[in-house]
Protein backbone atom coordinates (compact mmCIF):
# COMPACT_ATOMS: atom_id res chain seq x y z
CA MET A 1 4.28 93.25 -16.71
CA SER A 2 4.80 89.50 -17.07
CA ARG A 3 7.88 90.01 -19.22
CA PHE A 4 9.32 92.42 -16.68
CA TRP A 5 9.06 89.82 -13.90
CA THR A 6 10.56 87.17 -16.16
CA LEU A 7 13.48 89.50 -16.95
CA LEU A 8 13.87 90.39 -13.29
CA THR A 9 13.93 86.70 -12.35
CA HIS A 10 16.66 85.98 -14.90
CA VAL A 11 18.74 88.97 -13.79
CA HIS A 12 18.32 87.88 -10.17
CA SER A 13 19.45 84.33 -10.93
CA LEU A 14 22.48 85.58 -12.92
CA ALA A 15 23.46 88.14 -10.29
CA GLY A 16 24.45 85.45 -7.78
CA PRO A 17 27.13 83.70 -9.84
CA VAL A 18 28.43 87.00 -11.20
CA LEU A 19 28.68 88.67 -7.78
CA MET A 20 29.73 85.61 -5.81
CA LEU A 21 32.18 84.03 -8.26
CA LEU A 22 33.07 85.88 -11.47
CA TYR A 23 33.81 89.31 -10.04
CA PRO A 24 35.71 87.94 -7.01
CA LEU A 25 37.77 85.69 -9.29
CA TYR A 26 38.66 88.64 -11.51
CA ALA A 27 39.42 90.90 -8.53
CA SER A 28 41.53 88.17 -6.89
CA VAL A 29 43.71 87.86 -9.98
CA LEU A 30 44.15 91.66 -10.05
CA ALA A 31 44.99 91.62 -6.33
CA ILE A 32 47.69 88.98 -6.82
CA GLU A 33 49.25 91.05 -9.59
CA SER A 34 49.19 94.33 -7.65
CA PRO A 35 52.03 95.28 -5.29
CA SER A 36 49.61 96.23 -2.47
CA LYS A 37 48.75 93.73 0.25
CA VAL A 38 45.51 95.51 1.22
CA ASP A 39 43.56 94.04 -1.68
CA ASP A 40 45.14 90.62 -1.08
CA GLU A 41 43.73 90.62 2.45
CA GLN A 42 40.27 91.62 1.21
CA TRP A 43 40.09 88.81 -1.34
CA LEU A 44 41.62 86.11 0.84
CA ALA A 45 39.13 87.07 3.53
CA TYR A 46 36.32 86.93 0.95
CA TRP A 47 37.23 83.40 -0.13
CA ILE A 48 37.45 82.25 3.51
CA LEU A 49 34.00 83.67 4.24
CA TYR A 50 32.52 82.43 0.96
CA SER A 51 33.74 78.91 1.76
CA PHE A 52 32.29 79.11 5.26
CA LEU A 53 28.98 80.44 3.90
CA THR A 54 28.82 77.66 1.30
CA LEU A 55 29.55 74.95 3.88
CA THR A 56 26.98 76.38 6.27
CA GLU A 57 24.45 76.57 3.48
CA MET A 58 25.09 72.93 2.60
CA LEU A 59 24.56 71.86 6.21
CA LEU A 60 21.42 73.94 6.71
CA GLN A 61 19.92 73.45 3.25
CA SER A 62 16.75 71.77 4.51
CA VAL A 63 16.06 74.72 6.83
CA LEU A 64 17.07 77.47 4.41
CA GLU A 65 14.84 76.23 1.61
CA TRP A 66 11.86 77.17 3.80
CA ILE A 67 13.00 80.80 4.01
CA PRO A 68 11.72 82.44 0.79
CA ILE A 69 14.05 85.45 0.92
CA TRP A 70 17.22 83.49 1.77
CA TYR A 71 18.77 83.84 -1.70
CA THR A 72 18.12 87.60 -1.74
CA VAL A 73 19.59 88.03 1.75
CA LYS A 74 22.63 85.98 0.74
CA LEU A 75 23.01 88.08 -2.42
CA LEU A 76 22.86 91.35 -0.48
CA PHE A 77 25.33 90.03 2.10
CA THR A 78 27.69 89.00 -0.69
CA VAL A 79 27.40 92.45 -2.29
CA TRP A 80 28.48 93.94 1.03
CA LEU A 81 31.39 91.49 1.27
CA VAL A 82 32.54 92.09 -2.32
CA LEU A 83 32.20 95.80 -3.04
CA PRO A 84 35.45 97.68 -2.45
CA GLN A 85 33.55 100.65 -0.97
CA PHE A 86 32.50 98.50 1.99
CA ARG A 87 35.37 95.98 2.29
CA GLY A 88 32.95 93.77 4.23
CA ALA A 89 35.07 90.62 3.93
CA ALA A 90 38.12 92.31 5.47
CA PHE A 91 35.90 93.85 8.18
CA ILE A 92 34.41 90.49 9.21
CA TYR A 93 37.82 88.82 9.09
CA ASP A 94 39.39 91.52 11.29
CA ARG A 95 36.53 91.61 13.78
CA PHE A 96 35.64 87.95 14.16
CA VAL A 97 37.91 85.45 12.45
CA ARG A 98 41.19 87.06 13.52
CA GLN A 99 39.96 87.23 17.13
CA GLN A 100 39.21 83.49 17.13
CA ILE A 101 42.59 82.68 15.62
CA LYS A 102 44.36 84.84 18.21
CA GLN A 103 42.54 83.10 21.06
CA TYR A 104 43.43 79.70 19.64
CA THR A 105 47.10 80.51 19.06
CA GLU A 106 47.49 82.22 22.46
CA GLY A 107 46.09 79.11 24.15
CA LYS A 108 48.49 76.99 22.09
CA VAL A 109 51.47 79.17 23.12
CA GLN A 110 50.49 78.91 26.79
CA GLN A 111 50.23 75.10 26.42
CA ASP A 112 53.72 74.99 24.85
CA HIS A 113 55.24 77.00 27.75
CA LYS A 114 54.04 74.65 30.50
CA PRO A 115 56.67 72.78 32.49
CA PRO A 116 57.66 69.39 30.99
CA GLU A 117 55.85 67.42 33.70
CA CYS A 118 52.54 69.19 32.83
CA LYS A 119 52.84 68.72 29.11
CA GLY A 120 50.91 65.87 27.68
CA LYS A 121 48.43 65.67 30.54
CA GLY A 122 44.98 65.58 29.05
CA LYS A 123 46.45 65.47 25.56
CA LYS A 124 45.24 62.69 23.35
CA LYS A 125 47.66 60.50 21.45
CA SER A 126 45.72 61.02 18.18
CA VAL A 127 46.52 64.74 18.31
CA ASP A 128 50.24 63.93 18.47
CA PHE A 129 49.81 61.79 15.39
CA ILE A 130 47.90 64.45 13.42
CA VAL A 131 49.87 67.52 14.51
CA PRO A 132 53.63 66.88 14.59
CA LYS A 133 55.68 68.36 17.41
CA LYS A 134 58.04 71.22 16.70
CA GLY A 135 61.24 70.04 15.08
CA GLU A 136 59.67 66.85 13.69
CA HIS A 137 59.01 66.48 9.98
């Protein structure tokens, strides 16, 4: 039984890199080469979510190391994101990320359509420096 647990531990530790990196890298290359945009959206959404998950994990590392099943939960979540049967990455992107982007861009469009005398009020000078105005390069 000891050898079984040792084998299971090694399979578990290899499953993460394979499911989180190797398979998505391979599938992303296939998606770029295919004429369909559906798979492109799935894999771009995956990489966005994977980056966000990695950054969150880095920030919360001291808390997450106290949760013994964190790696298993992360692995199962990644399986759901990656497997084409579920298309979890595209689902989360459509439901949550796209909604946030739409709210941000709609607010930006409304700000751009204000009368000239209202523009710039409450706007910081540093934002003008970082984000160039339309027509400037």
